[in-house]
Amino acid sequence: MTSQQHGVGGVDSHKDTIHVAVVTEVGQPVTDNEFPTTTAGCRRAVAWLIEPDPGPAGGCPCGRGRGRAD
């Protein structure tokens, strides 16, 4: 039997990029990735977060503030 590990996903949107990271419950880095700040990039970022590996589902703050999707 395998044990399930929990993690936390975070998104930091910038003018040209969306940086997505997953950390453990105690803040240890698990993985991260960067995507363009476009509608397609935002969709890829969300798809990347909800894959069984690297970690938990999350949201992408596209369309708000500096990280606006076109």
N, C-alpha and C. Protein backbone atom coordinates (compact mmCIF):
# COMPACT_ATOMS: atom_id res chain seq x y z
N MET A 1 0.85 -1.17 0.00
CA MET A 1 0.00 0.00 0.00
C MET A 1 0.90 1.24 0.00
N THR A 2 0.52 2.23 -0.79
CA THR A 2 1.29 3.48 -0.82
C THR A 2 0.62 4.52 0.06
N SER A 3 1.44 5.36 0.66
CA SER A 3 0.87 6.43 1.47
C SER A 3 0.67 7.65 0.60
N GLN A 4 -0.43 8.35 0.83
CA GLN A 4 -0.72 9.55 0.06
C GLN A 4 -0.05 10.74 0.71
N GLN A 5 0.64 11.55 -0.09
CA GLN A 5 1.27 12.74 0.42
C GLN A 5 0.44 13.94 -0.01
N HIS A 6 0.30 14.89 0.89
CA HIS A 6 -0.45 16.10 0.59
C HIS A 6 0.51 17.24 0.31
N GLY A 7 0.10 18.13 -0.55
CA GLY A 7 0.92 19.28 -0.88
C GLY A 7 0.05 20.51 -1.05
N VAL A 8 0.71 21.62 -1.27
CA VAL A 8 0.03 22.89 -1.46
C VAL A 8 0.54 23.49 -2.76
N GLY A 9 -0.40 23.91 -3.62
CA GLY A 9 -0.03 24.55 -4.88
C GLY A 9 -0.16 26.05 -4.76
N GLY A 10 0.76 26.75 -5.37
CA GLY A 10 0.71 28.21 -5.36
C GLY A 10 0.98 28.75 -6.75
N VAL A 11 0.36 29.89 -7.06
CA VAL A 11 0.50 30.52 -8.36
C VAL A 11 0.90 31.97 -8.17
N ASP A 12 1.90 32.40 -8.93
CA ASP A 12 2.36 33.79 -8.89
C ASP A 12 2.35 34.30 -10.33
N SER A 13 1.39 35.17 -10.64
CA SER A 13 1.29 35.66 -12.01
C SER A 13 2.05 36.98 -12.15
N HIS A 14 2.73 37.10 -13.26
CA HIS A 14 3.49 38.31 -13.59
C HIS A 14 3.02 38.81 -14.95
N LYS A 15 3.63 39.85 -15.43
CA LYS A 15 3.22 40.42 -16.71
C LYS A 15 3.33 39.41 -17.85
N ASP A 16 4.44 38.67 -17.90
CA ASP A 16 4.69 37.77 -19.02
C ASP A 16 4.66 36.29 -18.67
N THR A 17 4.67 35.95 -17.39
CA THR A 17 4.74 34.55 -16.99
C THR A 17 3.82 34.25 -15.81
N ILE A 18 3.46 32.98 -15.70
CA ILE A 18 2.74 32.44 -14.55
C ILE A 18 3.66 31.39 -13.96
N HIS A 19 4.08 31.59 -12.71
CA HIS A 19 4.95 30.61 -12.06
C HIS A 19 4.10 29.81 -11.09
N VAL A 20 4.16 28.49 -11.21
CA VAL A 20 3.36 27.58 -10.39
C VAL A 20 4.31 26.69 -9.61
N ALA A 21 4.04 26.53 -8.31
CA ALA A 21 4.90 25.69 -7.47
C ALA A 21 4.04 24.81 -6.56
N VAL A 22 4.60 23.67 -6.19
CA VAL A 22 3.98 22.78 -5.21
C VAL A 22 4.98 22.54 -4.10
N VAL A 23 4.52 22.67 -2.85
CA VAL A 23 5.35 22.42 -1.68
C VAL A 23 4.64 21.41 -0.78
N THR A 24 5.40 20.78 0.12
CA THR A 24 4.81 19.84 1.07
C THR A 24 4.06 20.62 2.15
N GLU A 25 3.40 19.87 3.02
CA GLU A 25 2.66 20.50 4.13
C GLU A 25 3.57 21.33 5.04
N VAL A 26 4.87 21.02 5.05
CA VAL A 26 5.81 21.76 5.90
C VAL A 26 6.66 22.74 5.09
N GLY A 27 6.27 22.99 3.83
CA GLY A 27 6.93 24.01 3.04
C GLY A 27 8.15 23.59 2.24
N GLN A 28 8.42 22.29 2.16
CA GLN A 28 9.56 21.82 1.36
C GLN A 28 9.16 21.82 -0.12
N PRO A 29 10.00 22.37 -1.01
CA PRO A 29 9.67 22.39 -2.43
C PRO A 29 9.52 20.97 -2.99
N VAL A 30 8.51 20.78 -3.83
CA VAL A 30 8.29 19.51 -4.51
C VAL A 30 8.63 19.68 -5.99
N THR A 31 8.00 20.65 -6.63
CA THR A 31 8.23 20.91 -8.05
C THR A 31 7.69 22.28 -8.40
N ASP A 32 8.12 22.80 -9.54
CA ASP A 32 7.59 24.08 -10.02
C ASP A 32 7.70 24.12 -11.54
N ASN A 33 6.97 25.05 -12.12
CA ASN A 33 6.96 25.19 -13.57
C ASN A 33 6.54 26.61 -13.91
N GLU A 34 6.85 27.05 -15.13
CA GLU A 34 6.52 28.40 -15.56
C GLU A 34 5.80 28.33 -16.89
N PHE A 35 4.80 29.19 -17.06
CA PHE A 35 3.96 29.20 -18.25
C PHE A 35 3.81 30.63 -18.72
N PRO A 36 3.52 30.83 -20.02
CA PRO A 36 3.29 32.19 -20.51
C PRO A 36 1.96 32.73 -19.99
N THR A 37 1.88 34.03 -19.81
CA THR A 37 0.65 34.66 -19.33
C THR A 37 -0.27 34.93 -20.52
N THR A 38 -0.84 33.86 -21.00
CA THR A 38 -1.83 33.89 -22.08
C THR A 38 -2.96 32.97 -21.66
N THR A 39 -4.04 32.99 -22.40
CA THR A 39 -5.14 32.07 -22.08
C THR A 39 -4.67 30.62 -22.16
N ALA A 40 -3.92 30.30 -23.21
CA ALA A 40 -3.42 28.93 -23.36
C ALA A 40 -2.44 28.58 -22.24
N GLY A 41 -1.58 29.52 -21.86
CA GLY A 41 -0.63 29.29 -20.77
C GLY A 41 -1.33 29.06 -19.45
N CYS A 42 -2.39 29.82 -19.21
CA CYS A 42 -3.17 29.65 -17.98
C CYS A 42 -3.82 28.27 -17.95
N ARG A 43 -4.36 27.86 -19.07
CA ARG A 43 -4.98 26.53 -19.14
C ARG A 43 -3.95 25.43 -18.90
N ARG A 44 -2.76 25.61 -19.48
CA ARG A 44 -1.70 24.61 -19.26
C ARG A 44 -1.26 24.58 -17.81
N ALA A 45 -1.21 25.76 -17.16
CA ALA A 45 -0.82 25.82 -15.75
C ALA A 45 -1.82 25.06 -14.88
N VAL A 46 -3.10 25.27 -15.13
CA VAL A 46 -4.13 24.57 -14.36
C VAL A 46 -4.05 23.07 -14.62
N ALA A 47 -3.90 22.69 -15.90
CA ALA A 47 -3.79 21.26 -16.23
C ALA A 47 -2.59 20.64 -15.54
N TRP A 48 -1.47 21.37 -15.49
CA TRP A 48 -0.26 20.88 -14.84
C TRP A 48 -0.50 20.66 -13.34
N LEU A 49 -1.23 21.59 -12.72
CA LEU A 49 -1.49 21.45 -11.28
C LEU A 49 -2.41 20.29 -10.94
N ILE A 50 -3.35 19.98 -11.81
CA ILE A 50 -4.32 18.93 -11.46
C ILE A 50 -3.89 17.54 -11.92
N GLU A 51 -2.72 17.42 -12.54
CA GLU A 51 -2.20 16.09 -12.85
C GLU A 51 -1.96 15.33 -11.55
N PRO A 52 -2.10 13.99 -11.58
CA PRO A 52 -1.86 13.20 -10.36
C PRO A 52 -0.48 13.46 -9.77
N ASP A 53 0.49 13.72 -10.59
CA ASP A 53 1.83 14.09 -10.14
C ASP A 53 2.13 15.38 -10.88
N PRO A 54 2.27 16.53 -10.32
CA PRO A 54 3.00 16.86 -9.13
C PRO A 54 2.20 17.04 -7.86
N GLY A 55 0.90 17.24 -7.88
CA GLY A 55 0.28 17.52 -6.60
C GLY A 55 -1.18 17.92 -6.72
N PRO A 56 -1.62 18.74 -5.78
CA PRO A 56 -3.04 19.05 -5.60
C PRO A 56 -3.59 19.97 -6.69
N ALA A 57 -4.88 19.97 -6.80
CA ALA A 57 -5.54 20.88 -7.73
C ALA A 57 -5.44 22.30 -7.21
N GLY A 58 -5.47 23.22 -8.11
CA GLY A 58 -5.39 24.61 -7.70
C GLY A 58 -5.99 25.51 -8.75
N GLY A 59 -5.95 26.77 -8.50
CA GLY A 59 -6.51 27.73 -9.43
C GLY A 59 -5.44 28.61 -10.03
N CYS A 60 -5.81 29.31 -11.07
CA CYS A 60 -4.88 30.20 -11.75
C CYS A 60 -5.51 31.59 -11.79
N PRO A 61 -4.86 32.59 -11.24
CA PRO A 61 -5.47 33.91 -11.15
C PRO A 61 -5.36 34.71 -12.45
N CYS A 62 -5.70 34.09 -13.57
CA CYS A 62 -5.61 34.81 -14.84
C CYS A 62 -6.79 35.77 -14.99
N GLY A 63 -6.53 36.87 -15.68
CA GLY A 63 -7.59 37.82 -15.94
C GLY A 63 -7.74 38.86 -14.85
N ARG A 64 -6.87 38.86 -13.87
CA ARG A 64 -6.95 39.83 -12.78
C ARG A 64 -5.56 40.45 -12.60
N GLY A 65 -5.51 41.71 -12.32
CA GLY A 65 -4.25 42.38 -12.01
C GLY A 65 -3.25 42.31 -13.14
N ARG A 66 -1.97 42.23 -12.79
CA ARG A 66 -0.89 42.24 -13.79
C ARG A 66 -0.88 40.98 -14.63
N GLY A 67 -1.28 39.85 -14.07
CA GLY A 67 -1.22 38.59 -14.80
C GLY A 67 -2.44 38.36 -15.66
N ARG A 68 -2.84 39.36 -16.40
CA ARG A 68 -4.06 39.29 -17.19
C ARG A 68 -3.87 38.39 -18.42
N ALA A 69 -4.82 37.47 -18.61
CA ALA A 69 -4.78 36.62 -19.80
C ALA A 69 -5.42 37.36 -20.96
N ASP A 70 -4.87 37.22 -22.15
CA ASP A 70 -5.41 37.89 -23.34
C ASP A 70 -6.38 37.00 -24.05
